[in-house]
Amino acid sequence: MSIKIKVYSDYVCPFCFLAEQPLKEAIKGKDVEVEWMPYELRPSPNETLKPEGHYLQSTWKQSVYPMAEQMGIDIVLPRVSPQPYSHLAFEGYQYAKEKGKGNQYNDRMLRAFFQEEQDIGNIDVLTKLAGELGLDEEDYRDALTTRKYKEAHKKALKHAYEEANVTAVPTFVIGDTTIAGIRSKETLEQIINDELNRQKSVILTEGMACDIDGC
């Protein structure tokens, strides 16, 4: 039986980008299905952060860059200032997901922002990136311009905030186990294996049966 993994993330969260690699390594050869779930850390009208500000400079120097170097992942603090809102990119995610390219789209958005410093709040930039994935650029642009997927995105956020009770990203929901924060390949593997074994146990014991005491 397949294990469902939901990963709640925001395109402006560097730890969400760094979390991709250990997850990909952990699921190799396993019967799992991964779905990336939208989560906005600073939705409009909240102010977004500025890369020149002390908070981001300090966080990246103390945490992001050392972790990325240890993992062997290229990452840079994007100079896009202020940081873009991610709602349009996420509305585009709903479009890509509908076309069967949700996970590829998610990866492309993260790489575009954290490796190429592209402004993923700009419709022209988003449209170009969508085209790189083989999505219809005209159709995609129209979906963002008309806000076709606005309600779908709002529903996804409501689920994350109110139903899944996510308060930080990345957050992984692996079967019945929820963990927040970037985790190692080994930790993710252990949780996946535990969930797979738990499912097997449930399957083996869920049927009706008689025992020595009767039926």
N, C-alpha and C. Protein backbone atom coordinates (compact mmCIF):
# COMPACT_ATOMS: atom_id res chain seq x y z
N MET A 1 0.84 -1.19 0.00
CA MET A 1 0.00 0.00 0.00
C MET A 1 0.88 1.25 0.00
N SER A 2 0.47 2.24 -0.79
CA SER A 2 1.27 3.46 -0.95
C SER A 2 1.13 4.38 0.27
N ILE A 3 2.22 5.08 0.58
CA ILE A 3 2.21 6.08 1.63
C ILE A 3 2.07 7.46 0.98
N LYS A 4 1.17 8.28 1.51
CA LYS A 4 0.98 9.64 1.00
C LYS A 4 1.81 10.59 1.85
N ILE A 5 2.64 11.40 1.18
CA ILE A 5 3.42 12.41 1.87
C ILE A 5 2.98 13.78 1.39
N LYS A 6 2.56 14.62 2.32
CA LYS A 6 2.22 16.00 1.99
C LYS A 6 3.30 16.91 2.57
N VAL A 7 3.79 17.80 1.73
CA VAL A 7 4.83 18.73 2.17
C VAL A 7 4.28 20.16 2.04
N TYR A 8 4.06 20.80 3.18
CA TYR A 8 3.57 22.17 3.18
C TYR A 8 4.78 23.10 3.08
N SER A 9 4.72 24.02 2.11
CA SER A 9 5.88 24.87 1.86
C SER A 9 5.48 26.20 1.25
N ASP A 10 6.41 27.15 1.31
CA ASP A 10 6.23 28.44 0.66
C ASP A 10 7.43 28.66 -0.25
N TYR A 11 7.19 29.27 -1.40
CA TYR A 11 8.26 29.47 -2.38
C TYR A 11 9.33 30.46 -1.92
N VAL A 12 9.07 31.22 -0.84
CA VAL A 12 10.07 32.16 -0.35
C VAL A 12 10.74 31.64 0.93
N CYS A 13 10.58 30.35 1.20
CA CYS A 13 11.20 29.72 2.37
C CYS A 13 12.42 28.91 1.94
N PRO A 14 13.63 29.35 2.31
CA PRO A 14 14.83 28.63 1.87
C PRO A 14 14.92 27.21 2.40
N PHE A 15 14.39 26.97 3.59
CA PHE A 15 14.45 25.62 4.14
C PHE A 15 13.53 24.66 3.39
N CYS A 16 12.48 25.21 2.75
CA CYS A 16 11.61 24.38 1.91
C CYS A 16 12.39 23.91 0.67
N PHE A 17 13.22 24.79 0.15
CA PHE A 17 14.06 24.42 -0.98
C PHE A 17 15.09 23.37 -0.58
N LEU A 18 15.74 23.59 0.55
CA LEU A 18 16.76 22.65 1.01
C LEU A 18 16.15 21.29 1.39
N ALA A 19 14.88 21.29 1.76
CA ALA A 19 14.23 20.05 2.19
C ALA A 19 13.96 19.09 1.03
N GLU A 20 14.01 19.61 -0.20
CA GLU A 20 13.72 18.76 -1.36
C GLU A 20 14.69 17.59 -1.50
N GLN A 21 15.99 17.86 -1.38
CA GLN A 21 17.00 16.84 -1.65
C GLN A 21 16.90 15.64 -0.72
N PRO A 22 16.88 15.83 0.61
CA PRO A 22 16.76 14.65 1.48
C PRO A 22 15.45 13.90 1.28
N LEU A 23 14.39 14.61 0.93
CA LEU A 23 13.12 13.92 0.68
C LEU A 23 13.22 13.05 -0.57
N LYS A 24 13.81 13.59 -1.64
CA LYS A 24 13.96 12.81 -2.87
C LYS A 24 14.80 11.56 -2.62
N GLU A 25 15.84 11.71 -1.81
CA GLU A 25 16.70 10.57 -1.51
C GLU A 25 15.98 9.55 -0.64
N ALA A 26 15.16 10.03 0.28
CA ALA A 26 14.47 9.14 1.22
C ALA A 26 13.39 8.29 0.55
N ILE A 27 12.78 8.80 -0.53
CA ILE A 27 11.66 8.08 -1.14
C ILE A 27 12.09 7.16 -2.29
N LYS A 28 13.37 7.18 -2.63
CA LYS A 28 13.83 6.33 -3.74
C LYS A 28 13.51 4.87 -3.48
N GLY A 29 12.86 4.24 -4.46
CA GLY A 29 12.57 2.82 -4.36
C GLY A 29 11.41 2.47 -3.44
N LYS A 30 10.73 3.49 -2.93
CA LYS A 30 9.63 3.23 -2.00
C LYS A 30 8.29 3.57 -2.65
N ASP A 31 7.26 2.91 -2.18
CA ASP A 31 5.92 3.11 -2.72
C ASP A 31 5.29 4.31 -2.02
N VAL A 32 5.65 5.51 -2.47
CA VAL A 32 5.15 6.73 -1.85
C VAL A 32 4.64 7.70 -2.91
N GLU A 33 3.75 8.55 -2.50
CA GLU A 33 3.22 9.60 -3.38
C GLU A 33 3.40 10.93 -2.66
N VAL A 34 4.12 11.86 -3.29
CA VAL A 34 4.41 13.15 -2.68
C VAL A 34 3.53 14.23 -3.30
N GLU A 35 2.94 15.04 -2.45
CA GLU A 35 2.15 16.18 -2.91
C GLU A 35 2.61 17.42 -2.15
N TRP A 36 3.00 18.46 -2.89
CA TRP A 36 3.42 19.71 -2.26
C TRP A 36 2.19 20.56 -2.03
N MET A 37 2.07 21.09 -0.81
CA MET A 37 0.88 21.82 -0.38
C MET A 37 1.21 23.30 -0.15
N PRO A 38 0.39 24.20 -0.69
CA PRO A 38 0.65 25.63 -0.55
C PRO A 38 0.52 26.14 0.88
N TYR A 39 1.41 27.06 1.24
CA TYR A 39 1.37 27.73 2.53
C TYR A 39 2.06 29.08 2.37
N GLU A 40 1.36 30.15 2.69
CA GLU A 40 1.96 31.48 2.60
C GLU A 40 2.41 31.95 3.97
N LEU A 41 3.69 32.19 4.12
CA LEU A 41 4.22 32.69 5.38
C LEU A 41 3.78 34.12 5.67
N ARG A 42 3.78 34.95 4.64
CA ARG A 42 3.41 36.35 4.81
C ARG A 42 2.44 36.76 3.70
N PRO A 43 1.18 36.33 3.81
CA PRO A 43 0.20 36.68 2.77
C PRO A 43 -0.13 38.17 2.79
N SER A 44 -0.49 38.70 1.66
CA SER A 44 -0.93 40.09 1.56
C SER A 44 -2.14 40.29 2.47
N PRO A 45 -2.22 41.43 3.17
CA PRO A 45 -1.43 42.66 3.04
C PRO A 45 -0.24 42.74 4.00
N ASN A 46 0.16 41.64 4.61
CA ASN A 46 1.34 41.68 5.47
C ASN A 46 2.58 42.08 4.66
N GLU A 47 3.47 42.80 5.29
CA GLU A 47 4.70 43.18 4.60
C GLU A 47 5.60 41.96 4.44
N THR A 48 6.24 41.86 3.29
CA THR A 48 7.22 40.79 3.08
C THR A 48 8.60 41.29 3.54
N LEU A 49 9.54 40.39 3.61
CA LEU A 49 10.87 40.74 4.12
C LEU A 49 11.76 41.33 3.03
N LYS A 50 12.75 42.08 3.45
CA LYS A 50 13.72 42.66 2.52
C LYS A 50 15.08 41.98 2.71
N PRO A 51 15.72 41.55 1.62
CA PRO A 51 16.98 40.83 1.73
C PRO A 51 18.09 41.65 2.37
N GLU A 52 17.99 42.96 2.28
CA GLU A 52 19.02 43.81 2.89
C GLU A 52 18.78 44.02 4.38
N GLY A 53 17.64 43.54 4.87
CA GLY A 53 17.32 43.72 6.27
C GLY A 53 18.14 42.83 7.19
N HIS A 54 18.25 43.24 8.45
CA HIS A 54 19.09 42.51 9.42
C HIS A 54 18.58 41.09 9.64
N TYR A 55 17.25 40.91 9.70
CA TYR A 55 16.70 39.59 10.01
C TYR A 55 17.12 38.54 8.98
N LEU A 56 16.91 38.83 7.70
CA LEU A 56 17.28 37.87 6.66
C LEU A 56 18.79 37.68 6.59
N GLN A 57 19.53 38.77 6.66
CA GLN A 57 20.99 38.68 6.59
C GLN A 57 21.52 37.76 7.70
N SER A 58 20.99 37.94 8.90
CA SER A 58 21.43 37.15 10.04
C SER A 58 21.03 35.69 9.91
N THR A 59 19.78 35.44 9.51
CA THR A 59 19.28 34.07 9.37
C THR A 59 20.07 33.29 8.33
N TRP A 60 20.34 33.95 7.22
CA TRP A 60 21.07 33.26 6.16
C TRP A 60 22.52 32.99 6.56
N LYS A 61 23.14 33.96 7.19
CA LYS A 61 24.54 33.79 7.59
C LYS A 61 24.70 32.70 8.65
N GLN A 62 23.78 32.66 9.60
CA GLN A 62 23.90 31.74 10.71
C GLN A 62 23.33 30.35 10.42
N SER A 63 22.31 30.27 9.58
CA SER A 63 21.60 29.00 9.40
C SER A 63 21.55 28.48 7.97
N VAL A 64 21.08 29.32 7.05
CA VAL A 64 20.82 28.84 5.69
C VAL A 64 22.10 28.47 4.96
N TYR A 65 23.05 29.39 4.89
CA TYR A 65 24.27 29.11 4.14
C TYR A 65 25.08 27.95 4.72
N PRO A 66 25.26 27.86 6.04
CA PRO A 66 26.00 26.71 6.60
C PRO A 66 25.30 25.38 6.28
N MET A 67 23.98 25.34 6.38
CA MET A 67 23.27 24.10 6.10
C MET A 67 23.37 23.73 4.62
N ALA A 68 23.22 24.72 3.74
CA ALA A 68 23.31 24.46 2.30
C ALA A 68 24.70 23.96 1.92
N GLU A 69 25.73 24.55 2.52
CA GLU A 69 27.10 24.11 2.24
C GLU A 69 27.31 22.68 2.70
N GLN A 70 26.79 22.35 3.85
CA GLN A 70 26.91 20.99 4.38
C GLN A 70 26.20 19.98 3.49
N MET A 71 25.09 20.39 2.89
CA MET A 71 24.30 19.51 2.04
C MET A 71 24.79 19.50 0.59
N GLY A 72 25.68 20.44 0.25
CA GLY A 72 26.18 20.52 -1.12
C GLY A 72 25.17 21.09 -2.10
N ILE A 73 24.34 22.02 -1.62
CA ILE A 73 23.30 22.62 -2.46
C ILE A 73 23.61 24.09 -2.70
N ASP A 74 23.56 24.50 -3.95
CA ASP A 74 23.77 25.91 -4.29
C ASP A 74 22.51 26.70 -3.96
N ILE A 75 22.66 27.76 -3.19
CA ILE A 75 21.53 28.61 -2.83
C ILE A 75 22.06 30.01 -2.60
N VAL A 76 21.22 31.00 -2.87
CA VAL A 76 21.63 32.38 -2.67
C VAL A 76 20.43 33.16 -2.12
N LEU A 77 20.71 34.13 -1.27
CA LEU A 77 19.66 35.02 -0.78
C LEU A 77 19.26 35.94 -1.94
N PRO A 78 18.06 35.75 -2.50
CA PRO A 78 17.67 36.55 -3.67
C PRO A 78 17.65 38.04 -3.37
N ARG A 79 18.10 38.82 -4.34
CA ARG A 79 18.15 40.26 -4.15
C ARG A 79 16.84 40.94 -4.50
N VAL A 80 15.82 40.17 -4.81
CA VAL A 80 14.50 40.75 -5.10
C VAL A 80 14.00 41.42 -3.82
N SER A 81 13.78 42.73 -3.88
CA SER A 81 13.42 43.48 -2.67
C SER A 81 12.24 44.42 -2.93
N PRO A 82 11.20 44.35 -2.08
CA PRO A 82 11.01 43.35 -1.03
C PRO A 82 10.72 41.98 -1.65
N GLN A 83 10.76 40.94 -0.84
CA GLN A 83 10.48 39.61 -1.36
C GLN A 83 9.06 39.58 -1.94
N PRO A 84 8.86 38.81 -3.00
CA PRO A 84 7.54 38.79 -3.64
C PRO A 84 6.50 38.05 -2.80
N TYR A 85 5.25 38.44 -2.96
CA TYR A 85 4.16 37.63 -2.44
C TYR A 85 4.10 36.37 -3.30
N SER A 86 3.69 35.27 -2.71
CA SER A 86 3.71 34.00 -3.46
C SER A 86 2.34 33.53 -3.94
N HIS A 87 1.29 34.35 -3.75
CA HIS A 87 -0.05 33.87 -4.11
C HIS A 87 -0.22 33.63 -5.60
N LEU A 88 0.36 34.47 -6.44
CA LEU A 88 0.22 34.25 -7.89
C LEU A 88 0.96 32.99 -8.32
N ALA A 89 2.14 32.77 -7.78
CA ALA A 89 2.89 31.55 -8.10
C ALA A 89 2.10 30.32 -7.66
N PHE A 90 1.42 30.43 -6.52
CA PHE A 90 0.64 29.31 -6.03
C PHE A 90 -0.64 29.10 -6.85
N GLU A 91 -1.21 30.18 -7.35
CA GLU A 91 -2.35 30.02 -8.25
C GLU A 91 -1.90 29.31 -9.52
N GLY A 92 -0.69 29.63 -9.94
CA GLY A 92 -0.10 28.93 -11.08
C GLY A 92 0.15 27.47 -10.77
N TYR A 93 0.48 27.19 -9.51
CA TYR A 93 0.67 25.80 -9.08
C TYR A 93 -0.62 25.01 -9.25
N GLN A 94 -1.75 25.62 -8.92
CA GLN A 94 -3.03 24.94 -9.09
C GLN A 94 -3.28 24.60 -10.56
N TYR A 95 -2.87 25.52 -11.42
CA TYR A 95 -2.99 25.28 -12.87
C TYR A 95 -2.08 24.12 -13.28
N ALA A 96 -0.82 24.17 -12.84
CA ALA A 96 0.15 23.12 -13.20
C ALA A 96 -0.29 21.77 -12.65
N LYS A 97 -0.80 21.77 -11.45
CA LYS A 97 -1.26 20.53 -10.81
C LYS A 97 -2.40 19.92 -11.61
N GLU A 98 -3.27 20.76 -12.10
CA GLU A 98 -4.39 20.30 -12.93
C GLU A 98 -3.89 19.67 -14.22
N LYS A 99 -2.73 20.13 -14.69
CA LYS A 99 -2.15 19.62 -15.93
C LYS A 99 -1.18 18.46 -15.67
N GLY A 100 -1.12 18.00 -14.42
CA GLY A 100 -0.25 16.86 -14.09
C GLY A 100 1.21 17.21 -13.88
N LYS A 101 1.51 18.51 -13.65
CA LYS A 101 2.91 18.92 -13.49
C LYS A 101 3.12 19.72 -12.21
N GLY A 102 2.34 19.42 -11.19
CA GLY A 102 2.42 20.17 -9.95
C GLY A 102 3.77 20.10 -9.27
N ASN A 103 4.33 18.90 -9.13
CA ASN A 103 5.60 18.74 -8.43
C ASN A 103 6.75 19.35 -9.21
N GLN A 104 6.73 19.21 -10.54
CA GLN A 104 7.77 19.82 -11.37
C GLN A 104 7.72 21.35 -11.26
N TYR A 105 6.51 21.87 -11.24
CA TYR A 105 6.31 23.31 -11.13
C TYR A 105 6.84 23.81 -9.79
N ASN A 106 6.53 23.09 -8.73
CA ASN A 106 6.99 23.47 -7.40
C ASN A 106 8.51 23.56 -7.34
N ASP A 107 9.17 22.56 -7.89
CA ASP A 107 10.63 22.54 -7.92
C ASP A 107 11.18 23.71 -8.73
N ARG A 108 10.52 24.02 -9.85
CA ARG A 108 11.01 25.09 -10.71
C ARG A 108 10.88 26.45 -10.03
N MET A 109 9.81 26.67 -9.30
CA MET A 109 9.62 27.94 -8.60
C MET A 109 10.71 28.14 -7.54
N LEU A 110 10.97 27.10 -6.79
CA LEU A 110 11.99 27.20 -5.73
C LEU A 110 13.37 27.47 -6.32
N ARG A 111 13.71 26.77 -7.39
CA ARG A 111 15.03 26.97 -8.01
C ARG A 111 15.13 28.34 -8.68
N ALA A 112 14.05 28.78 -9.28
CA ALA A 112 14.05 30.10 -9.92
C ALA A 112 14.33 31.20 -8.91
N PHE A 113 13.77 31.06 -7.72
CA PHE A 113 13.94 32.11 -6.71
C PHE A 113 15.27 31.98 -5.98
N PHE A 114 15.61 30.79 -5.53
CA PHE A 114 16.77 30.63 -4.65
C PHE A 114 18.09 30.32 -5.37
N GLN A 115 18.04 30.07 -6.67
CA GLN A 115 19.29 29.87 -7.40
C GLN A 115 19.48 30.90 -8.52
N GLU A 116 18.36 31.43 -9.03
CA GLU A 116 18.43 32.34 -10.17
C GLU A 116 17.98 33.76 -9.83
N GLU A 117 17.49 33.95 -8.61
CA GLU A 117 17.05 35.26 -8.13
C GLU A 117 15.97 35.89 -9.02
N GLN A 118 15.08 35.07 -9.53
CA GLN A 118 14.00 35.57 -10.37
C GLN A 118 12.83 36.01 -9.49
N ASP A 119 12.13 37.04 -9.95
CA ASP A 119 11.00 37.59 -9.21
C ASP A 119 9.75 36.76 -9.49
N ILE A 120 9.48 35.81 -8.61
CA ILE A 120 8.35 34.90 -8.83
C ILE A 120 7.01 35.51 -8.42
N GLY A 121 6.99 36.83 -8.21
CA GLY A 121 5.73 37.52 -8.02
C GLY A 121 5.31 38.25 -9.28
N ASN A 122 6.14 38.15 -10.32
CA ASN A 122 5.90 38.83 -11.59
C ASN A 122 5.27 37.87 -12.59
N ILE A 123 4.15 38.26 -13.18
CA ILE A 123 3.43 37.37 -14.09
C ILE A 123 4.27 37.01 -15.31
N ASP A 124 5.05 37.96 -15.83
CA ASP A 124 5.88 37.66 -17.00
C ASP A 124 6.92 36.59 -16.66
N VAL A 125 7.53 36.70 -15.49
CA VAL A 125 8.51 35.71 -15.06
C VAL A 125 7.85 34.35 -14.87
N LEU A 126 6.72 34.35 -14.19
CA LEU A 126 6.01 33.09 -13.94
C LEU A 126 5.59 32.41 -15.24
N THR A 127 5.15 33.21 -16.19
CA THR A 127 4.71 32.65 -17.47
C THR A 127 5.88 32.01 -18.21
N LYS A 128 7.03 32.66 -18.18
CA LYS A 128 8.22 32.10 -18.83
C LYS A 128 8.61 30.78 -18.18
N LEU A 129 8.58 30.74 -16.86
CA LEU A 129 8.94 29.52 -16.14
C LEU A 129 7.96 28.40 -16.44
N ALA A 130 6.68 28.73 -16.54
CA ALA A 130 5.67 27.73 -16.86
C ALA A 130 5.92 27.15 -18.25
N GLY A 131 6.31 28.04 -19.18
CA GLY A 131 6.60 27.58 -20.53
C GLY A 131 7.77 26.63 -20.58
N GLU A 132 8.75 26.83 -19.69
CA GLU A 132 9.90 25.93 -19.64
C GLU A 132 9.49 24.51 -19.25
N LEU A 133 8.37 24.40 -18.55
CA LEU A 133 7.87 23.08 -18.13
C LEU A 133 6.95 22.45 -19.16
N GLY A 134 6.76 23.16 -20.28
CA GLY A 134 5.90 22.62 -21.33
C GLY A 134 4.44 23.01 -21.17
N LEU A 135 4.15 23.91 -20.24
CA LEU A 135 2.78 24.38 -20.07
C LEU A 135 2.48 25.46 -21.11
N ASP A 136 1.22 25.57 -21.47
CA ASP A 136 0.78 26.55 -22.46
C ASP A 136 0.90 27.95 -21.86
N GLU A 137 1.82 28.75 -22.37
CA GLU A 137 2.09 30.06 -21.77
C GLU A 137 0.88 30.99 -21.86
N GLU A 138 0.21 31.02 -22.98
CA GLU A 138 -0.94 31.91 -23.14
C GLU A 138 -2.07 31.52 -22.19
N ASP A 139 -2.32 30.23 -22.08
CA ASP A 139 -3.37 29.73 -21.20
C ASP A 139 -3.01 29.98 -19.74
N TYR A 140 -1.74 29.77 -19.41
CA TYR A 140 -1.26 29.99 -18.05
C TYR A 140 -1.39 31.46 -17.66
N ARG A 141 -0.91 32.34 -18.54
CA ARG A 141 -0.98 33.78 -18.27
C ARG A 141 -2.43 34.23 -18.07
N ASP A 142 -3.31 33.72 -18.90
CA ASP A 142 -4.72 34.07 -18.79
C ASP A 142 -5.29 33.61 -17.44
N ALA A 143 -4.86 32.43 -16.98
CA ALA A 143 -5.33 31.90 -15.69
C ALA A 143 -4.90 32.82 -14.55
N LEU A 144 -3.68 33.35 -14.62
CA LEU A 144 -3.20 34.23 -13.56
C LEU A 144 -3.84 35.62 -13.66
N THR A 145 -3.98 36.12 -14.88
CA THR A 145 -4.55 37.46 -15.08
C THR A 145 -6.00 37.52 -14.62
N THR A 146 -6.75 36.48 -14.91
CA THR A 146 -8.17 36.44 -14.54
C THR A 146 -8.39 35.91 -13.12
N ARG A 147 -7.31 35.48 -12.49
CA ARG A 147 -7.37 34.90 -11.13
C ARG A 147 -8.28 33.67 -11.10
N LYS A 148 -8.19 32.86 -12.14
CA LYS A 148 -9.04 31.68 -12.28
C LYS A 148 -8.91 30.73 -11.10
N TYR A 149 -7.71 30.64 -10.53
CA TYR A 149 -7.47 29.67 -9.47
C TYR A 149 -7.37 30.33 -8.08
N LYS A 150 -7.89 31.56 -7.98
CA LYS A 150 -7.84 32.29 -6.71
C LYS A 150 -8.56 31.53 -5.61
N GLU A 151 -9.77 31.05 -5.90
CA GLU A 151 -10.55 30.35 -4.88
C GLU A 151 -9.93 29.00 -4.52
N ALA A 152 -9.35 28.32 -5.51
CA ALA A 152 -8.70 27.03 -5.25
C ALA A 152 -7.51 27.24 -4.31
N HIS A 153 -6.78 28.33 -4.53
CA HIS A 153 -5.64 28.62 -3.67
C HIS A 153 -6.10 29.01 -2.27
N LYS A 154 -7.15 29.81 -2.18
CA LYS A 154 -7.70 30.20 -0.87
C LYS A 154 -8.15 28.96 -0.09
N LYS A 155 -8.73 28.02 -0.80
CA LYS A 155 -9.18 26.78 -0.16
C LYS A 155 -7.98 25.98 0.36
N ALA A 156 -6.91 25.97 -0.43
CA ALA A 156 -5.69 25.25 -0.02
C ALA A 156 -5.08 25.90 1.22
N LEU A 157 -5.08 27.23 1.27
CA LEU A 157 -4.55 27.93 2.44
C LEU A 157 -5.41 27.69 3.67
N LYS A 158 -6.71 27.70 3.49
CA LYS A 158 -7.63 27.45 4.60
C LYS A 158 -7.36 26.06 5.19
N HIS A 159 -7.14 25.09 4.29
CA HIS A 159 -6.82 23.73 4.73
C HIS A 159 -5.53 23.73 5.55
N ALA A 160 -4.50 24.41 5.04
CA ALA A 160 -3.20 24.42 5.72
C ALA A 160 -3.29 25.10 7.08
N TYR A 161 -3.93 26.27 7.12
CA TYR A 161 -3.99 27.06 8.35
C TYR A 161 -4.95 26.48 9.39
N GLU A 162 -6.13 26.04 8.94
CA GLU A 162 -7.19 25.70 9.88
C GLU A 162 -7.43 24.20 10.07
N GLU A 163 -7.18 23.42 9.04
CA GLU A 163 -7.44 21.98 9.13
C GLU A 163 -6.18 21.20 9.48
N ALA A 164 -5.09 21.49 8.75
CA ALA A 164 -3.83 20.80 9.03
C ALA A 164 -3.08 21.45 10.20
N ASN A 165 -3.50 22.67 10.56
CA ASN A 165 -2.89 23.41 11.67
C ASN A 165 -1.37 23.58 11.49
N VAL A 166 -0.96 23.86 10.27
CA VAL A 166 0.45 24.11 9.99
C VAL A 166 0.82 25.52 10.46
N THR A 167 1.90 25.64 11.18
CA THR A 167 2.34 26.95 11.68
C THR A 167 3.74 27.31 11.21
N ALA A 168 4.45 26.37 10.59
CA ALA A 168 5.81 26.63 10.10
C ALA A 168 6.07 25.71 8.92
N VAL A 169 6.95 26.15 8.04
CA VAL A 169 7.28 25.32 6.87
C VAL A 169 8.80 25.16 6.76
N PRO A 170 9.27 24.02 6.21
CA PRO A 170 8.44 22.93 5.70
C PRO A 170 7.83 22.09 6.82
N THR A 171 6.63 21.59 6.57
CA THR A 171 5.99 20.62 7.45
C THR A 171 5.66 19.40 6.61
N PHE A 172 6.06 18.23 7.11
CA PHE A 172 5.82 16.97 6.42
C PHE A 172 4.70 16.20 7.12
N VAL A 173 3.74 15.74 6.35
CA VAL A 173 2.74 14.81 6.86
C VAL A 173 2.96 13.50 6.14
N ILE A 174 3.54 12.55 6.85
CA ILE A 174 3.89 11.25 6.27
C ILE A 174 2.96 10.21 6.87
N GLY A 175 1.97 9.80 6.09
CA GLY A 175 0.96 8.90 6.64
C GLY A 175 0.24 9.59 7.77
N ASP A 176 0.35 9.06 8.98
CA ASP A 176 -0.28 9.65 10.16
C ASP A 176 0.70 10.45 11.01
N THR A 177 1.92 10.62 10.51
CA THR A 177 2.96 11.32 11.28
C THR A 177 3.21 12.71 10.71
N THR A 178 3.21 13.71 11.59
CA THR A 178 3.47 15.09 11.18
C THR A 178 4.75 15.60 11.85
N ILE A 179 5.67 16.14 11.06
CA ILE A 179 6.89 16.72 11.60
C ILE A 179 7.17 18.04 10.89
N ALA A 180 7.63 19.01 11.66
CA ALA A 180 7.94 20.32 11.11
C ALA A 180 9.44 20.52 11.04
N GLY A 181 9.88 21.26 10.02
CA GLY A 181 11.30 21.57 9.89
C GLY A 181 12.02 20.62 8.95
N ILE A 182 13.13 21.08 8.40
CA ILE A 182 13.93 20.26 7.49
C ILE A 182 14.51 19.06 8.24
N ARG A 183 14.45 17.89 7.63
CA ARG A 183 14.91 16.66 8.27
C ARG A 183 15.89 15.93 7.37
N SER A 184 16.72 15.10 7.97
CA SER A 184 17.71 14.34 7.21
C SER A 184 17.04 13.22 6.42
N LYS A 185 17.75 12.73 5.44
CA LYS A 185 17.29 11.58 4.67
C LYS A 185 16.99 10.41 5.59
N GLU A 186 17.87 10.16 6.55
CA GLU A 186 17.72 9.01 7.46
C GLU A 186 16.46 9.13 8.32
N THR A 187 16.19 10.33 8.80
CA THR A 187 14.99 10.54 9.62
C THR A 187 13.73 10.32 8.81
N LEU A 188 13.71 10.87 7.61
CA LEU A 188 12.55 10.70 6.74
C LEU A 188 12.35 9.23 6.36
N GLU A 189 13.44 8.55 6.06
CA GLU A 189 13.37 7.12 5.73
C GLU A 189 12.77 6.32 6.88
N GLN A 190 13.21 6.62 8.09
CA GLN A 190 12.72 5.89 9.26
C GLN A 190 11.22 6.08 9.44
N ILE A 191 10.76 7.30 9.28
CA ILE A 191 9.33 7.58 9.43
C ILE A 191 8.53 6.89 8.34
N ILE A 192 9.04 6.95 7.10
CA ILE A 192 8.35 6.29 5.98
C ILE A 192 8.27 4.78 6.23
N ASN A 193 9.38 4.18 6.65
CA ASN A 193 9.39 2.73 6.91
C ASN A 193 8.45 2.37 8.05
N ASP A 194 8.42 3.20 9.10
CA ASP A 194 7.52 2.95 10.22
C ASP A 194 6.06 3.00 9.77
N GLU A 195 5.75 3.97 8.90
CA GLU A 195 4.38 4.10 8.41
C GLU A 195 4.00 2.93 7.50
N LEU A 196 4.94 2.50 6.67
CA LEU A 196 4.68 1.34 5.80
C LEU A 196 4.44 0.09 6.63
N ASN A 197 5.26 -0.11 7.66
CA ASN A 197 5.09 -1.28 8.53
C ASN A 197 3.79 -1.21 9.31
N ARG A 198 3.42 0.00 9.74
CA ARG A 198 2.17 0.16 10.47
C ARG A 198 0.98 -0.19 9.58
N GLN A 199 1.04 0.24 8.33
CA GLN A 199 -0.04 -0.08 7.40
C GLN A 199 -0.16 -1.58 7.18
N LYS A 200 0.99 -2.25 7.04
CA LYS A 200 0.97 -3.70 6.85
C LYS A 200 0.33 -4.38 8.05
N SER A 201 0.65 -3.88 9.25
CA SER A 201 0.10 -4.45 10.47
C SER A 201 -1.41 -4.29 10.51
N VAL A 202 -1.89 -3.12 10.11
CA VAL A 202 -3.33 -2.86 10.09
C VAL A 202 -4.02 -3.78 9.10
N ILE A 203 -3.41 -3.94 7.95
CA ILE A 203 -4.00 -4.80 6.93
C ILE A 203 -4.09 -6.24 7.41
N LEU A 204 -3.07 -6.71 8.10
CA LEU A 204 -3.03 -8.09 8.54
C LEU A 204 -4.01 -8.38 9.68
N THR A 205 -4.38 -7.38 10.45
CA THR A 205 -5.19 -7.63 11.64
C THR A 205 -6.62 -7.09 11.55
N GLU A 206 -6.98 -6.50 10.42
CA GLU A 206 -8.28 -5.84 10.39
C GLU A 206 -9.44 -6.80 10.14
N GLY A 207 -9.17 -8.04 9.69
CA GLY A 207 -10.25 -8.97 9.37
C GLY A 207 -10.86 -9.61 10.61
N MET A 208 -12.10 -10.09 10.49
CA MET A 208 -12.75 -10.81 11.59
C MET A 208 -12.18 -12.21 11.69
N ALA A 209 -12.03 -12.73 12.91
CA ALA A 209 -11.47 -14.05 13.09
C ALA A 209 -11.92 -14.65 14.42
N CYS A 210 -11.79 -15.95 14.55
CA CYS A 210 -12.07 -16.63 15.80
C CYS A 210 -10.76 -16.92 16.51
N ASP A 211 -10.79 -16.99 17.86
CA ASP A 211 -9.60 -17.39 18.61
C ASP A 211 -9.98 -18.46 19.61
N ILE A 212 -9.06 -18.77 20.53
CA ILE A 212 -9.28 -19.88 21.46
C ILE A 212 -10.48 -19.65 22.38
N ASP A 213 -10.86 -18.41 22.57
CA ASP A 213 -11.99 -18.10 23.46
C ASP A 213 -13.33 -18.12 22.74
N GLY A 214 -13.31 -18.31 21.44
CA GLY A 214 -14.55 -18.39 20.67
C GLY A 214 -14.64 -17.31 19.61
N CYS A 215 -15.85 -17.16 19.08
CA CYS A 215 -16.09 -16.21 18.01
C CYS A 215 -17.06 -15.11 18.44
